[in-house]
Amino acid sequence: MASSPDAAVIDLATKPKDHLTALPSELLHLVFDYVFPTHIEDIAFLQEDVLVRLKKTPHDLEKLAMTCHSLRDELDAWARHWVISHAEIARYKPLKNQKKESSRLMLRAKHCIFCGKYCSRSAILSNGFRCCTKCDLKHWPDKITKTQAKEEFNLRDHQLLPQQHSPVLVKHGANKFPRLRYGTCMTSNIRTTMFLREDVRRLAEAIHGDVEAHMAAQRRAADARKRKMEANAEKKRQMDVEWMRLIAQSTY
């Protein structure tokens, strides 16, 4: 049977073109800049065995460097430029031994990415980086917990994290708003989900409109419910008192 003249022809003998290594150094370094920050949003909720495997998994840049010598050289050049430009925190001094020089360029694994102090703590909103508590508060100020976000802005779980909930909720519009950046951590041995307050406020504005007016209306409605409950409780108390009075009269 004759093949169609329009059929695709695949030449397995021709080596495919490597478009990545063909890029100039400037563009490759932009790629490295993008790949460098990593973040596993729900890391605090992962099982211990999964965390152990993650710790043993090489960084994406290391995986990229393993593909060929040219990318390894480009990555080393990018990393050297990075630590030199951050010499104040990295305390970087070039070594004569080139092999050791290449192996020491992963500052992110042992030191705070901002102040350079030895640190085993990860940034809450970018947990691929080591970050001390002081720098985390400085560079990601005004973080709030999921509970605070729900209470302060009258939001629901499926609005804050639609990707973790039923597709039915997504179908009814929970997924039409942009996803919030968030991170998880252990706080007093409790797994906690954290957001930036400003991000949550923007989401609340997209859902409720005027947030202040909406929350004021919610407070008025809550006050009205509280007054109604108190009135009902008082009415019940009076009925109980009257009932006890009638029982006492019938006894005598």
C-alpha atoms as a PDB file:
ATOM      1  CA  MET A   1       0.000   0.000   0.000  1.00  0.00           C
ATOM      2  CA  ALA A   2       1.520   3.334  -1.071  1.00  0.00           C
ATOM      3  CA  SER A   3       2.005   5.912   1.609  1.00  0.00           C
ATOM      4  CA  SER A   4       0.217   9.224   1.386  1.00  0.00           C
ATOM      5  CA  PRO A   5       2.365  12.104   0.070  1.00  0.00           C
ATOM      6  CA  ASP A   6       1.142  14.185   3.045  1.00  0.00           C
ATOM      7  CA  ALA A   7       2.239  11.637   5.664  1.00  0.00           C
ATOM      8  CA  ALA A   8       4.834  12.802   8.177  1.00  0.00           C
ATOM      9  CA  VAL A   9       8.338  11.473   7.613  1.00  0.00           C
ATOM     10  CA  ILE A  10      10.356  10.654  10.738  1.00  0.00           C
ATOM     11  CA  ASP A  11      14.079  10.245  10.181  1.00  0.00           C
ATOM     12  CA  LEU A  12      15.395   8.200  13.108  1.00  0.00           C
ATOM     13  CA  ALA A  13      18.951   8.380  11.764  1.00  0.00           C
ATOM     14  CA  THR A  14      19.154  12.151  12.197  1.00  0.00           C
ATOM     15  CA  LYS A  15      20.124  13.386  15.639  1.00  0.00           C
ATOM     16  CA  PRO A  16      17.502  15.808  16.973  1.00  0.00           C
ATOM     17  CA  LYS A  17      18.605  19.402  17.359  1.00  0.00           C
ATOM     18  CA  ASP A  18      19.347  20.490  20.924  1.00  0.00           C
ATOM     19  CA  HIS A  19      17.612  23.837  21.161  1.00  0.00           C
ATOM     20  CA  LEU A  20      18.564  24.432  24.811  1.00  0.00           C
ATOM     21  CA  THR A  21      22.332  24.329  24.501  1.00  0.00           C
ATOM     22  CA  ALA A  22      22.048  26.414  21.330  1.00  0.00           C
ATOM     23  CA  LEU A  23      20.787  29.353  23.396  1.00  0.00           C
ATOM     24  CA  PRO A  24      23.238  32.161  24.219  1.00  0.00           C
ATOM     25  CA  SER A  25      24.553  32.355  27.780  1.00  0.00           C
ATOM     26  CA  GLU A  26      22.352  35.352  28.629  1.00  0.00           C
ATOM     27  CA  LEU A  27      19.162  33.409  27.872  1.00  0.00           C
ATOM     28  CA  LEU A  28      20.402  30.268  29.605  1.00  0.00           C
ATOM     29  CA  HIS A  29      21.099  32.294  32.732  1.00  0.00           C
ATOM     30  CA  LEU A  30      17.537  33.633  32.631  1.00  0.00           C
ATOM     31  CA  VAL A  31      16.336  30.023  32.496  1.00  0.00           C
ATOM     32  CA  PHE A  32      18.490  29.196  35.536  1.00  0.00           C
ATOM     33  CA  ASP A  33      17.092  32.242  37.383  1.00  0.00           C
ATOM     34  CA  TYR A  34      13.584  30.921  36.784  1.00  0.00           C
ATOM     35  CA  VAL A  35      14.387  27.329  37.807  1.00  0.00           C
ATOM     36  CA  PHE A  36      16.388  28.269  40.926  1.00  0.00           C
ATOM     37  CA  PRO A  37      13.474  29.051  43.323  1.00  0.00           C
ATOM     38  CA  THR A  38      11.469  25.936  44.171  1.00  0.00           C
ATOM     39  CA  HIS A  39       8.396  25.577  46.349  1.00  0.00           C
ATOM     40  CA  ILE A  40       6.318  22.607  47.522  1.00  0.00           C
ATOM     41  CA  GLU A  41       3.149  24.255  48.817  1.00  0.00           C
ATOM     42  CA  ASP A  42       1.828  21.430  51.024  1.00  0.00           C
ATOM     43  CA  ILE A  43       5.177  20.214  52.346  1.00  0.00           C
ATOM     44  CA  ALA A  44       4.019  20.309  55.993  1.00  0.00           C
ATOM     45  CA  PHE A  45       1.279  17.781  55.188  1.00  0.00           C
ATOM     46  CA  LEU A  46       3.531  15.239  53.443  1.00  0.00           C
ATOM     47  CA  GLN A  47       4.349  11.887  55.021  1.00  0.00           C
ATOM     48  CA  GLU A  48       7.809  11.404  56.525  1.00  0.00           C
ATOM     49  CA  ASP A  49       8.905   8.870  53.902  1.00  0.00           C
ATOM     50  CA  VAL A  50       7.991  11.336  51.133  1.00  0.00           C
ATOM     51  CA  LEU A  51      10.005  14.083  52.834  1.00  0.00           C
ATOM     52  CA  VAL A  52      13.014  11.772  53.087  1.00  0.00           C
ATOM     53  CA  ARG A  53      12.835  11.064  49.346  1.00  0.00           C
ATOM     54  CA  LEU A  54      12.523  14.785  48.596  1.00  0.00           C
ATOM     55  CA  LYS A  55      15.656  15.564  50.600  1.00  0.00           C
ATOM     56  CA  LYS A  56      17.581  12.990  48.570  1.00  0.00           C
ATOM     57  CA  THR A  57      16.263  14.315  45.249  1.00  0.00           C
ATOM     58  CA  PRO A  58      18.694  16.649  43.441  1.00  0.00           C
ATOM     59  CA  HIS A  59      17.648  20.206  42.739  1.00  0.00           C
ATOM     60  CA  ASP A  60      16.274  20.816  39.227  1.00  0.00           C
ATOM     61  CA  LEU A  61      19.416  22.801  38.366  1.00  0.00           C
ATOM     62  CA  GLU A  62      21.579  19.866  39.399  1.00  0.00           C
ATOM     63  CA  LYS A  63      19.496  17.554  37.199  1.00  0.00           C
ATOM     64  CA  LEU A  64      19.925  19.987  34.327  1.00  0.00           C
ATOM     65  CA  ALA A  65      23.688  20.124  34.875  1.00  0.00           C
ATOM     66  CA  MET A  66      23.881  16.323  34.655  1.00  0.00           C
ATOM     67  CA  THR A  67      22.631  16.299  31.072  1.00  0.00           C
ATOM     68  CA  CYS A  68      25.839  17.506  29.391  1.00  0.00           C
ATOM     69  CA  HIS A  69      29.171  19.231  30.007  1.00  0.00           C
ATOM     70  CA  SER A  70      28.176  22.473  28.287  1.00  0.00           C
ATOM     71  CA  LEU A  71      25.169  22.975  30.569  1.00  0.00           C
ATOM     72  CA  ARG A  72      27.303  22.082  33.595  1.00  0.00           C
ATOM     73  CA  ASP A  73      29.807  24.781  32.579  1.00  0.00           C
ATOM     74  CA  GLU A  74      27.033  27.323  31.995  1.00  0.00           C
ATOM     75  CA  LEU A  75      25.451  26.482  35.334  1.00  0.00           C
ATOM     76  CA  ASP A  76      28.760  26.849  37.151  1.00  0.00           C
ATOM     77  CA  ALA A  77      29.280  30.237  35.498  1.00  0.00           C
ATOM     78  CA  TRP A  78      25.757  31.332  36.481  1.00  0.00           C
ATOM     79  CA  ALA A  79      26.177  30.090  40.067  1.00  0.00           C
ATOM     80  CA  ARG A  80      29.569  31.790  40.399  1.00  0.00           C
ATOM     81  CA  HIS A  81      28.083  35.064  39.176  1.00  0.00           C
ATOM     82  CA  TRP A  82      25.199  34.638  41.636  1.00  0.00           C
ATOM     83  CA  VAL A  83      27.369  34.117  44.721  1.00  0.00           C
ATOM     84  CA  ILE A  84      29.781  36.892  43.685  1.00  0.00           C
ATOM     85  CA  SER A  85      26.886  39.343  43.265  1.00  0.00           C
ATOM     86  CA  HIS A  86      25.672  38.240  46.716  1.00  0.00           C
ATOM     87  CA  ALA A  87      29.162  38.159  48.225  1.00  0.00           C
ATOM     88  CA  GLU A  88      28.078  40.138  51.273  1.00  0.00           C
ATOM     89  CA  ILE A  89      25.835  37.321  52.442  1.00  0.00           C
ATOM     90  CA  ALA A  90      27.543  34.392  50.705  1.00  0.00           C
ATOM     91  CA  ARG A  91      31.036  35.282  52.002  1.00  0.00           C
ATOM     92  CA  TYR A  92      32.284  33.836  48.727  1.00  0.00           C
ATOM     93  CA  LYS A  93      35.970  33.425  47.962  1.00  0.00           C
ATOM     94  CA  PRO A  94      37.032  31.525  44.801  1.00  0.00           C
ATOM     95  CA  LEU A  95      38.956  28.306  45.342  1.00  0.00           C
ATOM     96  CA  LYS A  96      41.960  27.203  43.301  1.00  0.00           C
ATOM     97  CA  ASN A  97      40.631  23.658  43.022  1.00  0.00           C
ATOM     98  CA  GLN A  98      38.034  23.855  40.237  1.00  0.00           C
ATOM     99  CA  LYS A  99      36.292  20.629  41.301  1.00  0.00           C
ATOM    100  CA  LYS A 100      35.751  21.895  44.826  1.00  0.00           C
ATOM    101  CA  GLU A 101      34.774  25.270  43.399  1.00  0.00           C
ATOM    102  CA  SER A 102      31.874  23.690  41.481  1.00  0.00           C
ATOM    103  CA  SER A 103      30.676  21.693  44.492  1.00  0.00           C
ATOM    104  CA  ARG A 104      30.394  24.665  46.820  1.00  0.00           C
ATOM    105  CA  LEU A 105      28.014  26.787  44.746  1.00  0.00           C
ATOM    106  CA  MET A 106      24.719  25.703  46.346  1.00  0.00           C
ATOM    107  CA  LEU A 107      24.381  28.370  49.041  1.00  0.00           C
ATOM    108  CA  ARG A 108      20.615  27.771  49.168  1.00  0.00           C
ATOM    109  CA  ALA A 109      21.070  24.414  50.955  1.00  0.00           C
ATOM    110  CA  LYS A 110      22.835  25.602  54.114  1.00  0.00           C
ATOM    111  CA  HIS A 111      22.466  29.351  54.604  1.00  0.00           C
ATOM    112  CA  CYS A 112      19.715  31.972  54.784  1.00  0.00           C
ATOM    113  CA  ILE A 113      19.263  33.237  51.240  1.00  0.00           C
ATOM    114  CA  PHE A 114      19.039  36.853  52.475  1.00  0.00           C
ATOM    115  CA  CYS A 115      21.463  37.339  55.384  1.00  0.00           C
ATOM    116  CA  GLY A 116      23.831  34.394  54.789  1.00  0.00           C
ATOM    117  CA  LYS A 117      23.636  33.012  58.328  1.00  0.00           C
ATOM    118  CA  TYR A 118      23.747  29.254  58.743  1.00  0.00           C
ATOM    119  CA  CYS A 119      20.114  28.144  58.736  1.00  0.00           C
ATOM    120  CA  SER A 120      18.159  24.888  58.579  1.00  0.00           C
ATOM    121  CA  ARG A 121      14.774  26.623  58.336  1.00  0.00           C
ATOM    122  CA  SER A 122      12.975  27.088  54.987  1.00  0.00           C
ATOM    123  CA  ALA A 123      11.091  30.186  53.846  1.00  0.00           C
ATOM    124  CA  ILE A 124       7.354  29.587  54.278  1.00  0.00           C
ATOM    125  CA  LEU A 125       6.366  30.939  50.851  1.00  0.00           C
ATOM    126  CA  SER A 126       9.442  29.683  48.995  1.00  0.00           C
ATOM    127  CA  ASN A 127      10.582  26.575  50.825  1.00  0.00           C
ATOM    128  CA  GLY A 128      13.296  25.714  48.311  1.00  0.00           C
ATOM    129  CA  PHE A 129      15.342  28.449  50.009  1.00  0.00           C
ATOM    130  CA  ARG A 130      16.788  28.470  53.500  1.00  0.00           C
ATOM    131  CA  CYS A 131      15.556  31.566  55.334  1.00  0.00           C
ATOM    132  CA  CYS A 132      15.836  32.585  58.985  1.00  0.00           C
ATOM    133  CA  THR A 133      12.740  33.733  60.870  1.00  0.00           C
ATOM    134  CA  LYS A 134      13.855  37.379  60.925  1.00  0.00           C
ATOM    135  CA  CYS A 135      14.377  37.539  57.152  1.00  0.00           C
ATOM    136  CA  ASP A 136      11.130  35.656  56.494  1.00  0.00           C
ATOM    137  CA  LEU A 137       9.221  38.318  58.428  1.00  0.00           C
ATOM    138  CA  LYS A 138      11.131  41.088  56.661  1.00  0.00           C
ATOM    139  CA  HIS A 139      10.705  39.891  53.070  1.00  0.00           C
ATOM    140  CA  TRP A 140       7.224  38.337  53.390  1.00  0.00           C
ATOM    141  CA  PRO A 141       5.550  40.583  55.984  1.00  0.00           C
ATOM    142  CA  ASP A 142       1.924  40.404  57.067  1.00  0.00           C
ATOM    143  CA  LYS A 143       1.315  36.700  56.552  1.00  0.00           C
ATOM    144  CA  ILE A 144      -1.944  35.275  57.880  1.00  0.00           C
ATOM    145  CA  THR A 145      -3.187  31.764  58.571  1.00  0.00           C
ATOM    146  CA  LYS A 146      -6.052  30.133  56.699  1.00  0.00           C
ATOM    147  CA  THR A 147      -8.244  30.521  59.793  1.00  0.00           C
ATOM    148  CA  GLN A 148      -7.519  34.256  59.927  1.00  0.00           C
ATOM    149  CA  ALA A 149      -8.210  34.592  56.184  1.00  0.00           C
ATOM    150  CA  LYS A 150     -11.610  32.923  56.610  1.00  0.00           C
ATOM    151  CA  GLU A 151     -12.567  35.017  59.623  1.00  0.00           C
ATOM    152  CA  GLU A 152     -11.255  38.406  58.493  1.00  0.00           C
ATOM    153  CA  PHE A 153     -12.501  38.226  54.889  1.00  0.00           C
ATOM    154  CA  ASN A 154     -15.486  35.844  55.105  1.00  0.00           C
ATOM    155  CA  LEU A 155     -13.951  33.307  52.726  1.00  0.00           C
ATOM    156  CA  ARG A 156     -14.432  29.542  52.519  1.00  0.00           C
ATOM    157  CA  ASP A 157     -11.897  26.752  52.127  1.00  0.00           C
ATOM    158  CA  HIS A 158     -12.916  26.097  48.524  1.00  0.00           C
ATOM    159  CA  GLN A 159     -12.405  29.780  47.672  1.00  0.00           C
ATOM    160  CA  LEU A 160      -8.950  29.946  49.225  1.00  0.00           C
ATOM    161  CA  LEU A 161      -7.752  26.574  47.900  1.00  0.00           C
ATOM    162  CA  PRO A 162     -10.106  25.471  45.089  1.00  0.00           C
ATOM    163  CA  GLN A 163      -7.568  22.936  43.788  1.00  0.00           C
ATOM    164  CA  GLN A 164      -8.030  20.883  46.974  1.00  0.00           C
ATOM    165  CA  HIS A 165     -11.803  20.596  46.713  1.00  0.00           C
ATOM    166  CA  SER A 166     -14.535  18.916  44.714  1.00  0.00           C
ATOM    167  CA  PRO A 167     -14.790  19.548  40.944  1.00  0.00           C
ATOM    168  CA  VAL A 168     -18.454  20.398  41.618  1.00  0.00           C
ATOM    169  CA  LEU A 169     -17.325  23.550  43.429  1.00  0.00           C
ATOM    170  CA  VAL A 170     -14.983  24.370  40.562  1.00  0.00           C
ATOM    171  CA  LYS A 171     -17.875  23.953  38.115  1.00  0.00           C
ATOM    172  CA  HIS A 172     -19.895  26.485  40.085  1.00  0.00           C
ATOM    173  CA  GLY A 173     -17.229  29.170  39.853  1.00  0.00           C
ATOM    174  CA  ALA A 174     -14.804  28.532  42.710  1.00  0.00           C
ATOM    175  CA  ASN A 175     -11.964  28.215  40.186  1.00  0.00           C
ATOM    176  CA  LYS A 176     -12.612  31.372  38.145  1.00  0.00           C
ATOM    177  CA  PHE A 177     -10.444  33.444  40.486  1.00  0.00           C
ATOM    178  CA  PRO A 178      -6.615  33.367  40.421  1.00  0.00           C
ATOM    179  CA  ARG A 179      -4.933  30.848  42.698  1.00  0.00           C
ATOM    180  CA  LEU A 180      -3.384  32.265  45.838  1.00  0.00           C
ATOM    181  CA  ARG A 181       0.275  31.665  46.587  1.00  0.00           C
ATOM    182  CA  TYR A 182       0.597  29.924  49.909  1.00  0.00           C
ATOM    183  CA  GLY A 183       2.916  27.838  52.023  1.00  0.00           C
ATOM    184  CA  THR A 184       2.637  25.402  54.892  1.00  0.00           C
ATOM    185  CA  CYS A 185       4.676  25.027  58.047  1.00  0.00           C
ATOM    186  CA  MET A 186       4.616  23.584  61.540  1.00  0.00           C
ATOM    187  CA  THR A 187       3.610  26.091  64.228  1.00  0.00           C
ATOM    188  CA  SER A 188       3.609  24.776  67.805  1.00  0.00           C
ATOM    189  CA  ASN A 189       3.397  21.234  66.367  1.00  0.00           C
ATOM    190  CA  ILE A 190       0.317  22.200  64.323  1.00  0.00           C
ATOM    191  CA  ARG A 191       0.307  22.088  60.518  1.00  0.00           C
ATOM    192  CA  THR A 192      -0.510  25.607  59.355  1.00  0.00           C
ATOM    193  CA  THR A 193      -1.335  27.091  55.944  1.00  0.00           C
ATOM    194  CA  MET A 194      -0.122  30.656  55.410  1.00  0.00           C
ATOM    195  CA  PHE A 195      -1.082  33.355  52.885  1.00  0.00           C
ATOM    196  CA  LEU A 196      -0.083  36.963  52.315  1.00  0.00           C
ATOM    197  CA  ARG A 197      -2.821  39.242  53.641  1.00  0.00           C
ATOM    198  CA  GLU A 198      -2.776  41.450  50.539  1.00  0.00           C
ATOM    199  CA  ASP A 199      -3.285  38.433  48.261  1.00  0.00           C
ATOM    200  CA  VAL A 200      -6.273  37.336  50.345  1.00  0.00           C
ATOM    201  CA  ARG A 201      -7.693  40.852  50.303  1.00  0.00           C
ATOM    202  CA  ARG A 202      -7.550  40.964  46.494  1.00  0.00           C
ATOM    203  CA  LEU A 203      -9.351  37.622  46.319  1.00  0.00           C
ATOM    204  CA  ALA A 204     -12.000  38.874  48.754  1.00  0.00           C
ATOM    205  CA  GLU A 205     -12.512  42.000  46.630  1.00  0.00           C
ATOM    206  CA  ALA A 206     -12.974  39.833  43.531  1.00  0.00           C
ATOM    207  CA  ILE A 207     -15.602  37.742  45.347  1.00  0.00           C
ATOM    208  CA  HIS A 208     -17.357  40.257  47.620  1.00  0.00           C
ATOM    209  CA  GLY A 209     -16.690  43.586  45.940  1.00  0.00           C
ATOM    210  CA  ASP A 210     -16.204  46.261  48.622  1.00  0.00           C
ATOM    211  CA  VAL A 211     -14.606  44.198  51.397  1.00  0.00           C
ATOM    212  CA  GLU A 212     -15.171  46.736  54.174  1.00  0.00           C
ATOM    213  CA  ALA A 213     -18.859  47.126  53.282  1.00  0.00           C
ATOM    214  CA  HIS A 214     -19.275  43.369  53.015  1.00  0.00           C
ATOM    215  CA  MET A 215     -17.647  42.711  56.380  1.00  0.00           C
ATOM    216  CA  ALA A 216     -19.719  45.507  57.977  1.00  0.00           C
ATOM    217  CA  ALA A 217     -22.874  43.836  56.637  1.00  0.00           C
ATOM    218  CA  GLN A 218     -21.648  40.496  57.967  1.00  0.00           C
ATOM    219  CA  ARG A 219     -21.052  42.030  61.408  1.00  0.00           C
ATOM    220  CA  ARG A 220     -24.526  43.569  61.425  1.00  0.00           C
ATOM    221  CA  ALA A 221     -26.051  40.232  60.457  1.00  0.00           C
ATOM    222  CA  ALA A 222     -24.031  38.481  63.173  1.00  0.00           C
ATOM    223  CA  ASP A 223     -25.164  41.054  65.762  1.00  0.00           C
ATOM    224  CA  ALA A 224     -28.781  40.565  64.673  1.00  0.00           C
ATOM    225  CA  ARG A 225     -28.426  36.786  65.022  1.00  0.00           C
ATOM    226  CA  LYS A 226     -26.853  37.218  68.441  1.00  0.00           C
ATOM    227  CA  ARG A 227     -29.679  39.500  69.611  1.00  0.00           C
ATOM    228  CA  LYS A 228     -32.269  37.044  68.306  1.00  0.00           C
ATOM    229  CA  MET A 229     -30.578  34.145  70.095  1.00  0.00           C
ATOM    230  CA  GLU A 230     -30.408  36.157  73.318  1.00  0.00           C
ATOM    231  CA  ALA A 231     -34.070  37.113  72.973  1.00  0.00           C
ATOM    232  CA  ASN A 232     -35.044  33.489  72.367  1.00  0.00           C
ATOM    233  CA  ALA A 233     -32.960  32.376  75.357  1.00  0.00           C
ATOM    234  CA  GLU A 234     -34.609  34.997  77.571  1.00  0.00           C
ATOM    235  CA  LYS A 235     -38.047  33.974  76.323  1.00  0.00           C
ATOM    236  CA  LYS A 236     -37.288  30.345  77.102  1.00  0.00           C
ATOM    237  CA  ARG A 237     -35.978  31.276  80.544  1.00  0.00           C
ATOM    238  CA  GLN A 238     -39.201  33.174  81.328  1.00  0.00           C
ATOM    239  CA  MET A 239     -41.297  30.257  80.101  1.00  0.00           C
ATOM    240  CA  ASP A 240     -39.326  27.894  82.330  1.00  0.00           C
ATOM    241  CA  VAL A 241     -39.828  30.203  85.311  1.00  0.00           C
ATOM    242  CA  GLU A 242     -43.577  30.411  84.619  1.00  0.00           C
ATOM    243  CA  TRP A 243     -43.759  26.637  84.198  1.00  0.00           C
ATOM    244  CA  MET A 244     -42.008  26.098  87.533  1.00  0.00           C
ATOM    245  CA  ARG A 245     -44.392  28.608  89.176  1.00  0.00           C
ATOM    246  CA  LEU A 246     -47.443  26.727  87.864  1.00  0.00           C
ATOM    247  CA  ILE A 247     -46.008  23.418  89.082  1.00  0.00           C
ATOM    248  CA  ALA A 248     -45.398  24.920  92.524  1.00  0.00           C
ATOM    249  CA  GLN A 249     -48.993  26.235  92.704  1.00  0.00           C
ATOM    250  CA  SER A 250     -50.502  22.888  91.695  1.00  0.00           C
ATOM    251  CA  THR A 251     -48.441  21.121  94.365  1.00  0.00           C
ATOM    252  CA  TYR A 252     -50.106  23.138  97.120  1.00  0.00           C
END
